Amino acid sequence: MNHVVEAFVVLPGGVDTIEGLFTLISWACEGLHIRHIGLLNIDGYFNKLLKFLDDAVRQNFMVLIQRKLFISSLLSF
């Protein structure tokens, strides 16, 4: 899958969704992909995750270029 896509889009979901998202994060950290990861941030679902990623950069657990792979779209219903 990683070799045939231009970007990833993650929608709010359960444990399997979060597992898949963290797999993408892990792949980015290991240099296995440099594709954007879009987060459909319905009602702020991913807000705390985005803060976690910002904190990871601030504390040098993740480099900024990896953090910039994440694109978030906030939708409210």
N, C-alpha and C. Protein backbone atom coordinates (compact mmCIF):
# COMPACT_ATOMS: atom_id res chain seq x y z
N MET A 1 0.83 -1.19 0.00
CA MET A 1 0.00 0.00 0.00
C MET A 1 0.87 1.25 0.00
N ASN A 2 1.91 1.25 0.76
CA ASN A 2 2.76 2.42 0.94
C ASN A 2 3.37 2.90 -0.37
N HIS A 3 3.57 2.01 -1.33
CA HIS A 3 4.28 2.38 -2.55
C HIS A 3 3.37 2.90 -3.66
N VAL A 4 2.05 2.81 -3.48
CA VAL A 4 1.15 3.19 -4.55
C VAL A 4 0.27 4.40 -4.23
N VAL A 5 0.44 5.00 -3.08
CA VAL A 5 -0.39 6.15 -2.70
C VAL A 5 0.44 7.42 -2.65
N GLU A 6 -0.24 8.55 -2.82
CA GLU A 6 0.44 9.84 -2.73
C GLU A 6 0.26 10.47 -1.37
N ALA A 7 -0.77 10.04 -0.64
CA ALA A 7 -1.04 10.57 0.70
C ALA A 7 -1.96 9.59 1.42
N PHE A 8 -2.07 9.78 2.71
CA PHE A 8 -2.96 8.97 3.54
C PHE A 8 -4.01 9.89 4.14
N VAL A 9 -5.24 9.39 4.31
CA VAL A 9 -6.29 10.15 4.98
C VAL A 9 -6.85 9.27 6.09
N VAL A 10 -6.90 9.84 7.30
CA VAL A 10 -7.39 9.10 8.47
C VAL A 10 -8.65 9.78 8.98
N LEU A 11 -9.70 9.01 9.11
CA LEU A 11 -10.97 9.50 9.64
C LEU A 11 -11.10 9.09 11.09
N PRO A 12 -11.90 9.79 11.88
CA PRO A 12 -12.10 9.39 13.27
C PRO A 12 -12.60 7.95 13.33
N GLY A 13 -12.10 7.22 14.32
CA GLY A 13 -12.49 5.83 14.46
C GLY A 13 -12.03 5.27 15.79
N GLY A 14 -12.01 3.97 15.86
CA GLY A 14 -11.68 3.28 17.10
C GLY A 14 -10.21 2.89 17.19
N VAL A 15 -9.98 1.85 17.94
CA VAL A 15 -8.62 1.40 18.24
C VAL A 15 -7.86 1.01 16.97
N ASP A 16 -8.52 0.33 16.04
CA ASP A 16 -7.84 -0.07 14.81
C ASP A 16 -7.42 1.14 13.97
N THR A 17 -8.23 2.18 13.98
CA THR A 17 -7.88 3.41 13.27
C THR A 17 -6.64 4.04 13.88
N ILE A 18 -6.60 4.12 15.21
CA ILE A 18 -5.45 4.71 15.90
C ILE A 18 -4.21 3.86 15.67
N GLU A 19 -4.38 2.53 15.68
CA GLU A 19 -3.24 1.64 15.40
C GLU A 19 -2.68 1.92 14.01
N GLY A 20 -3.56 2.03 13.02
CA GLY A 20 -3.12 2.33 11.67
C GLY A 20 -2.42 3.68 11.58
N LEU A 21 -2.94 4.67 12.29
CA LEU A 21 -2.33 5.99 12.30
C LEU A 21 -0.93 5.94 12.90
N PHE A 22 -0.78 5.24 14.01
CA PHE A 22 0.53 5.15 14.63
C PHE A 22 1.50 4.32 13.80
N THR A 23 0.98 3.39 13.00
CA THR A 23 1.84 2.69 12.05
C THR A 23 2.39 3.68 11.03
N LEU A 24 1.54 4.57 10.53
CA LEU A 24 2.00 5.59 9.59
C LEU A 24 3.03 6.51 10.24
N ILE A 25 2.79 6.88 11.50
CA ILE A 25 3.76 7.72 12.22
C ILE A 25 5.09 6.99 12.35
N SER A 26 5.03 5.72 12.72
CA SER A 26 6.24 4.92 12.87
C SER A 26 6.99 4.82 11.54
N TRP A 27 6.27 4.56 10.46
CA TRP A 27 6.91 4.48 9.15
C TRP A 27 7.58 5.79 8.79
N ALA A 28 6.94 6.92 9.10
CA ALA A 28 7.54 8.22 8.81
C ALA A 28 8.81 8.42 9.64
N CYS A 29 8.77 8.04 10.91
CA CYS A 29 9.95 8.19 11.77
C CYS A 29 11.10 7.30 11.31
N GLU A 30 10.78 6.15 10.73
CA GLU A 30 11.81 5.23 10.24
C GLU A 30 12.25 5.57 8.82
N GLY A 31 11.64 6.59 8.23
CA GLY A 31 12.00 6.99 6.88
C GLY A 31 11.41 6.11 5.79
N LEU A 32 10.38 5.33 6.12
CA LEU A 32 9.77 4.44 5.13
C LEU A 32 8.81 5.16 4.20
N HIS A 33 8.37 6.35 4.58
CA HIS A 33 7.57 7.16 3.68
C HIS A 33 7.70 8.63 4.08
N ILE A 34 7.43 9.49 3.09
CA ILE A 34 7.41 10.93 3.35
C ILE A 34 6.12 11.52 2.77
N ARG A 35 5.06 10.74 2.84
CA ARG A 35 3.77 11.17 2.31
C ARG A 35 2.97 11.89 3.39
N HIS A 36 2.16 12.83 2.95
CA HIS A 36 1.31 13.55 3.90
C HIS A 36 0.27 12.62 4.50
N ILE A 37 -0.10 12.92 5.74
CA ILE A 37 -1.12 12.17 6.47
C ILE A 37 -2.22 13.16 6.81
N GLY A 38 -3.34 13.04 6.12
CA GLY A 38 -4.46 13.93 6.36
C GLY A 38 -5.34 13.40 7.47
N LEU A 39 -5.69 14.28 8.39
CA LEU A 39 -6.58 13.91 9.50
C LEU A 39 -7.90 14.65 9.32
N LEU A 40 -8.99 13.93 9.14
CA LEU A 40 -10.30 14.55 9.07
C LEU A 40 -10.75 14.76 10.51
N ASN A 41 -10.52 15.95 11.01
CA ASN A 41 -10.64 16.27 12.43
C ASN A 41 -12.06 16.72 12.78
N ILE A 42 -13.00 15.79 12.71
CA ILE A 42 -14.41 16.10 12.98
C ILE A 42 -14.61 16.38 14.46
N ASP A 43 -15.19 17.54 14.75
CA ASP A 43 -15.47 17.98 16.13
C ASP A 43 -14.24 17.90 17.04
N GLY A 44 -13.05 18.14 16.46
CA GLY A 44 -11.83 18.17 17.27
C GLY A 44 -11.34 16.81 17.72
N TYR A 45 -11.77 15.74 17.04
CA TYR A 45 -11.42 14.37 17.44
C TYR A 45 -9.91 14.19 17.60
N PHE A 46 -9.11 14.77 16.70
CA PHE A 46 -7.67 14.57 16.71
C PHE A 46 -6.90 15.70 17.41
N ASN A 47 -7.58 16.65 18.04
CA ASN A 47 -6.89 17.79 18.65
C ASN A 47 -5.81 17.37 19.65
N LYS A 48 -6.14 16.44 20.54
CA LYS A 48 -5.16 16.02 21.55
C LYS A 48 -4.01 15.25 20.92
N LEU A 49 -4.28 14.50 19.87
CA LEU A 49 -3.21 13.81 19.16
C LEU A 49 -2.26 14.83 18.53
N LEU A 50 -2.81 15.87 17.92
CA LEU A 50 -1.97 16.90 17.31
C LEU A 50 -1.12 17.61 18.36
N LYS A 51 -1.69 17.86 19.53
CA LYS A 51 -0.92 18.45 20.63
C LYS A 51 0.19 17.50 21.07
N PHE A 52 -0.13 16.20 21.14
CA PHE A 52 0.87 15.19 21.49
C PHE A 52 2.03 15.22 20.50
N LEU A 53 1.73 15.32 19.20
CA LEU A 53 2.78 15.37 18.19
C LEU A 53 3.61 16.64 18.32
N ASP A 54 2.95 17.78 18.60
CA ASP A 54 3.69 19.02 18.83
C ASP A 54 4.62 18.89 20.03
N ASP A 55 4.13 18.26 21.10
CA ASP A 55 4.96 18.04 22.29
C ASP A 55 6.12 17.11 21.98
N ALA A 56 5.88 16.10 21.14
CA ALA A 56 6.95 15.17 20.77
C ALA A 56 8.07 15.91 20.04
N VAL A 57 7.71 16.86 19.19
CA VAL A 57 8.71 17.67 18.50
C VAL A 57 9.45 18.55 19.51
N ARG A 58 8.69 19.20 20.38
CA ARG A 58 9.29 20.10 21.37
C ARG A 58 10.28 19.37 22.27
N GLN A 59 9.98 18.10 22.58
CA GLN A 59 10.84 17.33 23.48
C GLN A 59 11.84 16.46 22.72
N ASN A 60 11.98 16.70 21.40
CA ASN A 60 12.96 16.03 20.55
C ASN A 60 12.75 14.52 20.40
N PHE A 61 11.49 14.08 20.47
CA PHE A 61 11.17 12.69 20.18
C PHE A 61 10.77 12.51 18.71
N MET A 62 10.50 13.62 18.04
CA MET A 62 10.11 13.62 16.63
C MET A 62 10.69 14.89 16.01
N VAL A 63 11.13 14.78 14.77
CA VAL A 63 11.67 15.97 14.11
C VAL A 63 10.53 16.74 13.43
N LEU A 64 10.71 18.02 13.28
CA LEU A 64 9.67 18.90 12.76
C LEU A 64 9.22 18.48 11.36
N ILE A 65 10.13 18.04 10.52
CA ILE A 65 9.74 17.65 9.16
C ILE A 65 8.75 16.49 9.18
N GLN A 66 8.87 15.60 10.16
CA GLN A 66 7.90 14.50 10.29
C GLN A 66 6.55 15.04 10.76
N ARG A 67 6.57 15.99 11.67
CA ARG A 67 5.33 16.59 12.16
C ARG A 67 4.59 17.31 11.04
N LYS A 68 5.34 17.92 10.13
CA LYS A 68 4.73 18.66 9.04
C LYS A 68 4.06 17.75 8.01
N LEU A 69 4.24 16.45 8.12
CA LEU A 69 3.53 15.52 7.24
C LEU A 69 2.04 15.50 7.54
N PHE A 70 1.66 15.93 8.75
CA PHE A 70 0.27 15.87 9.18
C PHE A 70 -0.48 17.12 8.74
N ILE A 71 -1.59 16.89 8.07
CA ILE A 71 -2.47 17.97 7.65
C ILE A 71 -3.81 17.71 8.31
N SER A 72 -4.33 18.70 9.02
CA SER A 72 -5.58 18.51 9.75
C SER A 72 -6.65 19.45 9.21
N SER A 73 -7.84 18.92 9.07
CA SER A 73 -8.99 19.70 8.65
C SER A 73 -10.03 19.62 9.75
N LEU A 74 -10.35 20.74 10.36
CA LEU A 74 -11.33 20.77 11.45
C LEU A 74 -12.72 20.99 10.89
N LEU A 75 -13.60 20.04 11.13
CA LEU A 75 -15.00 20.15 10.72
C LEU A 75 -15.87 20.06 11.95
N SER A 76 -16.89 20.89 12.01
CA SER A 76 -17.83 20.85 13.13
C SER A 76 -19.23 20.56 12.60
N PHE A 77 -19.92 19.73 13.34
CA PHE A 77 -21.30 19.39 12.98
C PHE A 77 -22.22 19.73 14.11
